[in-house]
Each structure stands twice: as structure tokens, then as C-alpha cells.
All heavy atoms as atom14 arrays in JSON, in Angstrom:
{
  "sequence": "FTMNTFQTGQVSLERVEELLQREPSIQDKVITTPITVNNS",
  "atom14_mask": [
    [1, 1, 1, 1, 1, 1, 1, 1, 1, 1, 1, 0, 0, 0],
    [1, 1, 1, 1, 1, 1, 1, 0, 0, 0, 0, 0, 0, 0],
    [1, 1, 1, 1, 1, 1, 1, 1, 0, 0, 0, 0, 0, 0],
    [1, 1, 1, 1, 1, 1, 1, 1, 0, 0, 0, 0, 0, 0],
    [1, 1, 1, 1, 1, 1, 1, 0, 0, 0, 0, 0, 0, 0],
    [1, 1, 1, 1, 1, 1, 1, 1, 1, 1, 1, 0, 0, 0],
    [1, 1, 1, 1, 1, 1, 1, 1, 1, 0, 0, 0, 0, 0],
    [1, 1, 1, 1, 1, 1, 1, 0, 0, 0, 0, 0, 0, 0],
    [1, 1, 1, 1, 0, 0, 0, 0, 0, 0, 0, 0, 0, 0],
    [1, 1, 1, 1, 1, 1, 1, 1, 1, 0, 0, 0, 0, 0],
    [1, 1, 1, 1, 1, 1, 1, 0, 0, 0, 0, 0, 0, 0],
    [1, 1, 1, 1, 1, 1, 0, 0, 0, 0, 0, 0, 0, 0],
    [1, 1, 1, 1, 1, 1, 1, 1, 0, 0, 0, 0, 0, 0],
    [1, 1, 1, 1, 1, 1, 1, 1, 1, 0, 0, 0, 0, 0],
    [1, 1, 1, 1, 1, 1, 1, 1, 1, 1, 1, 0, 0, 0],
    [1, 1, 1, 1, 1, 1, 1, 0, 0, 0, 0, 0, 0, 0],
    [1, 1, 1, 1, 1, 1, 1, 1, 1, 0, 0, 0, 0, 0],
    [1, 1, 1, 1, 1, 1, 1, 1, 1, 0, 0, 0, 0, 0],
    [1, 1, 1, 1, 1, 1, 1, 1, 0, 0, 0, 0, 0, 0],
    [1, 1, 1, 1, 1, 1, 1, 1, 0, 0, 0, 0, 0, 0],
    [1, 1, 1, 1, 1, 1, 1, 1, 1, 0, 0, 0, 0, 0],
    [1, 1, 1, 1, 1, 1, 1, 1, 1, 1, 1, 0, 0, 0],
    [1, 1, 1, 1, 1, 1, 1, 1, 1, 0, 0, 0, 0, 0],
    [1, 1, 1, 1, 1, 1, 1, 0, 0, 0, 0, 0, 0, 0],
    [1, 1, 1, 1, 1, 1, 0, 0, 0, 0, 0, 0, 0, 0],
    [1, 1, 1, 1, 1, 1, 1, 1, 0, 0, 0, 0, 0, 0],
    [1, 1, 1, 1, 1, 1, 1, 1, 1, 0, 0, 0, 0, 0],
    [1, 1, 1, 1, 1, 1, 1, 1, 0, 0, 0, 0, 0, 0],
    [1, 1, 1, 1, 1, 1, 1, 1, 1, 0, 0, 0, 0, 0],
    [1, 1, 1, 1, 1, 1, 1, 0, 0, 0, 0, 0, 0, 0],
    [1, 1, 1, 1, 1, 1, 1, 1, 0, 0, 0, 0, 0, 0],
    [1, 1, 1, 1, 1, 1, 1, 0, 0, 0, 0, 0, 0, 0],
    [1, 1, 1, 1, 1, 1, 1, 0, 0, 0, 0, 0, 0, 0],
    [1, 1, 1, 1, 1, 1, 1, 0, 0, 0, 0, 0, 0, 0],
    [1, 1, 1, 1, 1, 1, 1, 1, 0, 0, 0, 0, 0, 0],
    [1, 1, 1, 1, 1, 1, 1, 0, 0, 0, 0, 0, 0, 0],
    [1, 1, 1, 1, 1, 1, 1, 0, 0, 0, 0, 0, 0, 0],
    [1, 1, 1, 1, 1, 1, 1, 1, 0, 0, 0, 0, 0, 0],
    [1, 1, 1, 1, 1, 1, 1, 1, 0, 0, 0, 0, 0, 0],
    [1, 1, 1, 1, 1, 1, 0, 0, 0, 0, 0, 0, 0, 0]
  ],
  "atom14_positions": [
    [[0.84, -1.2, 0.01], [-0.03, 0.04, -0.08], [0.77, 1.23, 0.02], [0.56, 2.29, -0.6], [-0.93, -0.02, 1.23], [-1.94, 1.08, 1.31], [-3.06, 1.27, 0.44], [-1.64, 2.16, 2.27], [-3.81, 2.25, 0.59], [-2.46, 3.24, 2.27], [-3.58, 3.29, 1.36], [0.0, 0.0, 0.0], [0.0, 0.0, 0.0], [0.0, 0.0, 0.0]],
    [[1.95, 1.2, 0.72], [2.87, 2.35, 0.73], [3.53, 2.63, -0.59], [3.52, 3.74, -1.04], [4.04, 2.11, 1.78], [3.49, 1.81, 3.04], [4.86, 3.35, 2.03], [0.0, 0.0, 0.0], [0.0, 0.0, 0.0], [0.0, 0.0, 0.0], [0.0, 0.0, 0.0], [0.0, 0.0, 0.0], [0.0, 0.0, 0.0], [0.0, 0.0, 0.0]],
    [[3.81, 1.5, -1.32], [4.47, 1.72, -2.66], [3.45, 2.26, -3.5], [3.79, 3.18, -4.44], [5.03, 0.43, -3.14], [6.3, -0.08, -2.34], [7.66, 1.01, -2.47], [7.97, 1.01, -4.26], [0.0, 0.0, 0.0], [0.0, 0.0, 0.0], [0.0, 0.0, 0.0], [0.0, 0.0, 0.0], [0.0, 0.0, 0.0], [0.0, 0.0, 0.0]],
    [[2.2, 1.76, -3.4], [1.14, 2.37, -4.28], [0.93, 3.89, -4.02], [0.79, 4.62, -4.98], [-0.19, 1.49, -3.98], [-1.36, 2.08, -4.73], [-1.41, 2.23, -5.99], [-2.42, 2.56, -3.93], [0.0, 0.0, 0.0], [0.0, 0.0, 0.0], [0.0, 0.0, 0.0], [0.0, 0.0, 0.0], [0.0, 0.0, 0.0], [0.0, 0.0, 0.0]],
    [[0.82, 4.08, -2.73], [0.69, 5.51, -2.31], [1.88, 6.36, -2.94], [1.73, 7.48, -3.37], [0.64, 5.72, -0.91], [-0.59, 5.03, -0.39], [0.33, 7.26, -0.48], [0.0, 0.0, 0.0], [0.0, 0.0, 0.0], [0.0, 0.0, 0.0], [0.0, 0.0, 0.0], [0.0, 0.0, 0.0], [0.0, 0.0, 0.0], [0.0, 0.0, 0.0]],
    [[3.09, 5.83, -2.7], [4.28, 6.5, -3.27], [4.23, 6.69, -4.79], [4.53, 7.84, -5.18], [5.52, 5.75, -2.8], [6.86, 6.43, -2.92], [7.16, 7.21, -1.92], [7.58, 6.34, -4.16], [8.38, 8.03, -2.02], [8.72, 7.02, -4.17], [9.2, 7.86, -2.98], [0.0, 0.0, 0.0], [0.0, 0.0, 0.0], [0.0, 0.0, 0.0]],
    [[3.89, 5.72, -5.55], [3.83, 5.74, -6.99], [2.66, 6.62, -7.42], [2.89, 7.43, -8.23], [3.6, 4.44, -7.55], [4.87, 3.59, -7.39], [4.68, 2.16, -7.69], [3.48, 1.64, -7.76], [5.74, 1.41, -7.94], [0.0, 0.0, 0.0], [0.0, 0.0, 0.0], [0.0, 0.0, 0.0], [0.0, 0.0, 0.0], [0.0, 0.0, 0.0]],
    [[1.56, 6.67, -6.8], [0.36, 7.49, -7.0], [0.82, 8.95, -6.81], [0.58, 9.86, -7.64], [-0.84, 7.24, -6.2], [-1.25, 5.82, -6.43], [-2.07, 8.09, -6.52], [0.0, 0.0, 0.0], [0.0, 0.0, 0.0], [0.0, 0.0, 0.0], [0.0, 0.0, 0.0], [0.0, 0.0, 0.0], [0.0, 0.0, 0.0], [0.0, 0.0, 0.0]],
    [[1.46, 9.16, -5.69], [2.02, 10.51, -5.39], [2.92, 10.97, -6.35], [2.96, 12.26, -6.75], [0.0, 0.0, 0.0], [0.0, 0.0, 0.0], [0.0, 0.0, 0.0], [0.0, 0.0, 0.0], [0.0, 0.0, 0.0], [0.0, 0.0, 0.0], [0.0, 0.0, 0.0], [0.0, 0.0, 0.0], [0.0, 0.0, 0.0], [0.0, 0.0, 0.0]],
    [[3.79, 10.21, -6.9], [4.81, 10.58, -7.87], [4.1, 10.91, -9.21], [4.56, 11.95, -9.9], [5.83, 9.55, -8.1], [6.81, 9.38, -6.9], [7.98, 8.32, -7.24], [9.1, 8.81, -7.36], [7.57, 7.14, -7.43], [0.0, 0.0, 0.0], [0.0, 0.0, 0.0], [0.0, 0.0, 0.0], [0.0, 0.0, 0.0], [0.0, 0.0, 0.0]],
    [[3.04, 10.15, -9.64], [2.25, 10.54, -10.7], [1.63, 11.9, -10.61], [1.72, 12.82, -11.55], [1.23, 9.39, -11.01], [0.3, 9.98, -12.18], [1.81, 8.15, -11.46], [0.0, 0.0, 0.0], [0.0, 0.0, 0.0], [0.0, 0.0, 0.0], [0.0, 0.0, 0.0], [0.0, 0.0, 0.0], [0.0, 0.0, 0.0], [0.0, 0.0, 0.0]],
    [[1.03, 12.11, -9.45], [0.46, 13.38, -9.22], [1.49, 14.48, -9.05], [1.2, 15.61, -9.49], [-0.38, 13.26, -7.89], [-1.45, 12.43, -7.9], [0.0, 0.0, 0.0], [0.0, 0.0, 0.0], [0.0, 0.0, 0.0], [0.0, 0.0, 0.0], [0.0, 0.0, 0.0], [0.0, 0.0, 0.0], [0.0, 0.0, 0.0], [0.0, 0.0, 0.0]],
    [[2.52, 14.29, -8.65], [3.62, 15.19, -8.5], [4.06, 15.78, -9.86], [4.31, 16.88, -10.17], [4.83, 14.65, -7.84], [5.96, 15.45, -7.23], [5.35, 16.45, -6.15], [7.1, 14.72, -6.64], [0.0, 0.0, 0.0], [0.0, 0.0, 0.0], [0.0, 0.0, 0.0], [0.0, 0.0, 0.0], [0.0, 0.0, 0.0], [0.0, 0.0, 0.0]],
    [[4.2, 14.71, -10.83], [4.58, 15.0, -12.28], [3.35, 15.88, -12.87], [3.65, 16.85, -13.59], [4.74, 13.81, -12.99], [5.99, 13.14, -12.62], [6.27, 11.92, -13.46], [5.34, 11.52, -14.3], [7.28, 11.26, -13.33], [0.0, 0.0, 0.0], [0.0, 0.0, 0.0], [0.0, 0.0, 0.0], [0.0, 0.0, 0.0], [0.0, 0.0, 0.0]],
    [[2.19, 15.54, -12.59], [0.93, 16.27, -13.13], [1.02, 17.73, -12.55], [0.71, 18.77, -13.48], [-0.35, 15.57, -12.83], [-0.5, 14.27, -13.78], [-1.57, 13.55, -13.16], [-2.87, 14.13, -12.83], [-3.87, 14.43, -13.74], [-3.68, 13.83, -15.01], [-4.9, 15.03, -13.47], [0.0, 0.0, 0.0], [0.0, 0.0, 0.0], [0.0, 0.0, 0.0]],
    [[1.3, 17.92, -11.35], [1.23, 19.14, -10.65], [2.42, 20.1, -11.24], [2.22, 21.15, -11.48], [1.07, 19.11, -9.19], [1.43, 20.52, -8.63], [-0.12, 18.54, -8.65], [0.0, 0.0, 0.0], [0.0, 0.0, 0.0], [0.0, 0.0, 0.0], [0.0, 0.0, 0.0], [0.0, 0.0, 0.0], [0.0, 0.0, 0.0], [0.0, 0.0, 0.0]],
    [[3.53, 19.42, -11.21], [4.66, 20.07, -11.72], [4.57, 20.49, -13.2], [5.01, 21.53, -13.6], [6.02, 19.22, -11.64], [6.54, 19.22, -10.17], [7.03, 20.59, -9.77], [7.74, 21.2, -10.48], [6.81, 20.89, -8.58], [0.0, 0.0, 0.0], [0.0, 0.0, 0.0], [0.0, 0.0, 0.0], [0.0, 0.0, 0.0], [0.0, 0.0, 0.0]],
    [[3.92, 19.68, -13.94], [3.7, 20.07, -15.42], [2.88, 21.4, -15.48], [3.07, 22.29, -16.3], [2.89, 18.93, -16.08], [2.6, 19.25, -17.57], [1.8, 18.17, -18.25], [1.33, 17.17, -17.52], [1.48, 18.28, -19.4], [0.0, 0.0, 0.0], [0.0, 0.0, 0.0], [0.0, 0.0, 0.0], [0.0, 0.0, 0.0], [0.0, 0.0, 0.0]],
    [[1.85, 21.5, -14.48], [1.16, 22.66, -14.35], [1.99, 23.89, -13.96], [1.74, 25.01, -14.51], [-0.13, 22.43, -13.41], [-1.25, 23.39, -13.58], [-1.88, 23.31, -14.92], [-2.22, 23.08, -12.5], [0.0, 0.0, 0.0], [0.0, 0.0, 0.0], [0.0, 0.0, 0.0], [0.0, 0.0, 0.0], [0.0, 0.0, 0.0], [0.0, 0.0, 0.0]],
    [[2.71, 23.65, -12.95], [3.54, 24.82, -12.31], [4.58, 25.22, -13.25], [5.0, 26.44, -13.26], [4.14, 24.36, -11.1], [3.17, 24.11, -9.92], [3.92, 23.59, -8.66], [2.58, 25.46, -9.5], [0.0, 0.0, 0.0], [0.0, 0.0, 0.0], [0.0, 0.0, 0.0], [0.0, 0.0, 0.0], [0.0, 0.0, 0.0], [0.0, 0.0, 0.0]],
    [[5.12, 24.3, -14.18], [6.2, 24.78, -15.08], [5.59, 25.42, -16.25], [6.4, 25.93, -17.14], [7.01, 23.52, -15.42], [7.87, 22.95, -14.21], [8.59, 21.69, -14.61], [8.55, 21.21, -15.77], [9.18, 21.08, -13.6], [0.0, 0.0, 0.0], [0.0, 0.0, 0.0], [0.0, 0.0, 0.0], [0.0, 0.0, 0.0], [0.0, 0.0, 0.0]],
    [[4.31, 25.44, -16.42], [3.78, 26.02, -17.66], [3.86, 27.67, -17.4], [3.18, 28.07, -16.59], [2.36, 25.51, -17.85], [1.68, 25.81, -19.13], [1.04, 27.08, -19.32], [0.54, 27.41, -20.66], [0.02, 28.49, -21.13], [-0.1, 29.51, -20.26], [-0.42, 28.59, -22.36], [0.0, 0.0, 0.0], [0.0, 0.0, 0.0], [0.0, 0.0, 0.0]],
    [[4.61, 28.25, -18.22], [4.72, 29.69, -18.06], [3.69, 30.31, -19.01], [3.42, 29.92, -20.11], [6.17, 30.17, -18.75], [7.39, 29.83, -17.68], [7.16, 30.5, -16.4], [6.67, 31.77, -16.4], [7.6, 30.03, -15.42], [0.0, 0.0, 0.0], [0.0, 0.0, 0.0], [0.0, 0.0, 0.0], [0.0, 0.0, 0.0], [0.0, 0.0, 0.0]],
    [[2.98, 31.43, -18.44], [1.97, 32.05, -19.26], [2.6, 32.76, -20.42], [3.67, 33.26, -20.42], [1.44, 33.17, -18.3], [2.46, 33.31, -17.18], [3.26, 32.01, -17.12], [0.0, 0.0, 0.0], [0.0, 0.0, 0.0], [0.0, 0.0, 0.0], [0.0, 0.0, 0.0], [0.0, 0.0, 0.0], [0.0, 0.0, 0.0], [0.0, 0.0, 0.0]],
    [[1.85, 32.8, -21.57], [2.28, 33.35, -22.81], [2.2, 34.87, -22.68], [2.96, 35.54, -23.52], [1.52, 32.9, -24.06], [0.1, 33.21, -23.82], [0.0, 0.0, 0.0], [0.0, 0.0, 0.0], [0.0, 0.0, 0.0], [0.0, 0.0, 0.0], [0.0, 0.0, 0.0], [0.0, 0.0, 0.0], [0.0, 0.0, 0.0], [0.0, 0.0, 0.0]],
    [[1.49, 35.43, -21.8], [1.29, 36.81, -21.55], [1.83, 37.21, -20.18], [1.16, 36.79, -19.23], [-0.09, 37.32, -21.71], [-0.63, 36.92, -23.11], [-0.22, 38.83, -21.64], [-2.16, 37.21, -23.27], [0.0, 0.0, 0.0], [0.0, 0.0, 0.0], [0.0, 0.0, 0.0], [0.0, 0.0, 0.0], [0.0, 0.0, 0.0], [0.0, 0.0, 0.0]],
    [[2.89, 37.85, -20.12], [3.5, 38.21, -18.79], [4.27, 39.49, -18.78], [4.63, 39.86, -19.89], [4.32, 37.01, -18.22], [5.47, 36.51, -19.07], [6.16, 35.28, -18.53], [6.36, 35.27, -17.24], [6.41, 34.35, -19.27], [0.0, 0.0, 0.0], [0.0, 0.0, 0.0], [0.0, 0.0, 0.0], [0.0, 0.0, 0.0], [0.0, 0.0, 0.0]],
    [[4.66, 40.03, -17.72], [5.29, 41.19, -17.64], [6.92, 40.93, -18.0], [7.35, 39.86, -17.89], [5.38, 41.72, -16.16], [4.14, 42.22, -15.63], [3.31, 42.53, -16.49], [3.84, 42.2, -14.45], [0.0, 0.0, 0.0], [0.0, 0.0, 0.0], [0.0, 0.0, 0.0], [0.0, 0.0, 0.0], [0.0, 0.0, 0.0], [0.0, 0.0, 0.0]],
    [[7.41, 42.06, -18.53], [8.96, 42.06, -18.88], [9.67, 42.12, -17.65], [8.99, 42.44, -16.49], [9.31, 43.04, -19.75], [8.74, 42.97, -21.21], [9.28, 44.03, -22.15], [8.74, 43.92, -23.54], [9.38, 44.97, -24.47], [0.0, 0.0, 0.0], [0.0, 0.0, 0.0], [0.0, 0.0, 0.0], [0.0, 0.0, 0.0], [0.0, 0.0, 0.0]],
    [[11.0, 41.85, -17.61], [11.76, 41.96, -16.43], [11.7, 43.31, -15.98], [11.64, 43.61, -14.7], [13.25, 41.42, -16.77], [14.13, 41.62, -15.47], [13.22, 40.02, -17.21], [0.0, 0.0, 0.0], [0.0, 0.0, 0.0], [0.0, 0.0, 0.0], [0.0, 0.0, 0.0], [0.0, 0.0, 0.0], [0.0, 0.0, 0.0], [0.0, 0.0, 0.0]],
    [[11.74, 44.38, -16.86], [11.89, 45.76, -16.48], [10.7, 46.38, -17.21], [10.58, 46.25, -18.46], [13.13, 46.56, -17.03], [14.38, 45.9, -16.26], [13.06, 47.93, -16.62], [15.77, 46.45, -16.67], [0.0, 0.0, 0.0], [0.0, 0.0, 0.0], [0.0, 0.0, 0.0], [0.0, 0.0, 0.0], [0.0, 0.0, 0.0], [0.0, 0.0, 0.0]],
    [[9.78, 47.03, -16.44], [8.51, 47.53, -17.08], [8.57, 49.02, -17.0], [9.32, 49.58, -16.06], [7.26, 46.98, -16.38], [7.28, 47.27, -14.95], [7.18, 45.56, -16.56], [0.0, 0.0, 0.0], [0.0, 0.0, 0.0], [0.0, 0.0, 0.0], [0.0, 0.0, 0.0], [0.0, 0.0, 0.0], [0.0, 0.0, 0.0], [0.0, 0.0, 0.0]],
    [[7.81, 49.72, -17.71], [7.75, 51.14, -17.72], [6.51, 51.54, -16.77], [5.32, 51.04, -17.07], [7.48, 51.65, -19.18], [8.52, 51.24, -19.95], [7.32, 53.21, -19.15], [0.0, 0.0, 0.0], [0.0, 0.0, 0.0], [0.0, 0.0, 0.0], [0.0, 0.0, 0.0], [0.0, 0.0, 0.0], [0.0, 0.0, 0.0], [0.0, 0.0, 0.0]],
    [[6.73, 52.47, -15.87], [5.56, 52.86, -15.01], [4.67, 53.81, -15.76], [5.12, 54.45, -16.67], [6.2, 53.65, -13.82], [7.68, 53.99, -14.41], [7.94, 53.05, -15.43], [0.0, 0.0, 0.0], [0.0, 0.0, 0.0], [0.0, 0.0, 0.0], [0.0, 0.0, 0.0], [0.0, 0.0, 0.0], [0.0, 0.0, 0.0], [0.0, 0.0, 0.0]],
    [[3.45, 53.77, -15.33], [2.46, 54.69, -15.83], [2.75, 56.11, -15.48], [2.85, 56.25, -14.13], [0.89, 54.18, -15.48], [0.67, 52.94, -16.1], [-0.02, 55.29, -15.76], [0.41, 52.91, -17.58], [0.0, 0.0, 0.0], [0.0, 0.0, 0.0], [0.0, 0.0, 0.0], [0.0, 0.0, 0.0], [0.0, 0.0, 0.0], [0.0, 0.0, 0.0]],
    [[2.79, 56.99, -16.24], [3.08, 58.42, -15.84], [1.74, 59.24, -16.11], [1.15, 59.18, -17.16], [4.18, 58.99, -16.71], [3.84, 58.87, -18.13], [5.42, 58.39, -16.41], [0.0, 0.0, 0.0], [0.0, 0.0, 0.0], [0.0, 0.0, 0.0], [0.0, 0.0, 0.0], [0.0, 0.0, 0.0], [0.0, 0.0, 0.0], [0.0, 0.0, 0.0]],
    [[1.37, 59.87, -15.1], [0.18, 60.76, -15.09], [0.51, 62.23, -15.27], [1.22, 62.74, -14.41], [-0.62, 60.46, -13.85], [-1.98, 61.41, -13.84], [-1.17, 59.08, -13.7], [0.0, 0.0, 0.0], [0.0, 0.0, 0.0], [0.0, 0.0, 0.0], [0.0, 0.0, 0.0], [0.0, 0.0, 0.0], [0.0, 0.0, 0.0], [0.0, 0.0, 0.0]],
    [[0.05, 62.88, -16.33], [0.3, 64.16, -16.65], [-1.13, 64.92, -16.74], [-1.87, 64.74, -17.56], [1.03, 64.3, -17.93], [1.41, 65.83, -18.22], [1.0, 66.75, -17.49], [2.24, 65.95, -19.23], [0.0, 0.0, 0.0], [0.0, 0.0, 0.0], [0.0, 0.0, 0.0], [0.0, 0.0, 0.0], [0.0, 0.0, 0.0], [0.0, 0.0, 0.0]],
    [[-1.42, 65.67, -15.64], [-2.75, 66.16, -15.46], [-2.9, 67.36, -16.57], [-4.18, 67.84, -16.76], [-2.88, 66.75, -14.14], [-2.91, 65.67, -13.13], [-3.48, 64.65, -13.35], [-2.44, 66.03, -11.9], [0.0, 0.0, 0.0], [0.0, 0.0, 0.0], [0.0, 0.0, 0.0], [0.0, 0.0, 0.0], [0.0, 0.0, 0.0], [0.0, 0.0, 0.0]],
    [[-1.91, 67.75, -17.26], [-2.03, 68.88, -18.26], [-2.64, 68.39, -19.57], [-2.97, 69.18, -20.41], [-0.69, 69.52, -18.46], [0.25, 68.62, -19.04], [0.0, 0.0, 0.0], [0.0, 0.0, 0.0], [0.0, 0.0, 0.0], [0.0, 0.0, 0.0], [0.0, 0.0, 0.0], [0.0, 0.0, 0.0], [0.0, 0.0, 0.0], [0.0, 0.0, 0.0]]
  ]
}
């Protein structure tokens, strides 16, 4: 039972890691430009 739980956990670990390693195609750049407000 322990080995089954261990193997099941490893399968789930890979599935979750696959999700976590997926980088969004839309994300901030390393250096971003701040919004400048000019009331004039």
C-alpha cells in the first residue's frame, strides 16, 4: 500500500509540476515602464 501511495503521489507530483512549469504566454517583462500621469 505504501508503494502504491508513493507511486500515485509521484504521478500526481509530475502532473502538478507540469502545471506549475507552464509559463503564461502573456506576462510582464523583467523591466517595465511605469504609468506616468500628466494632468495637463
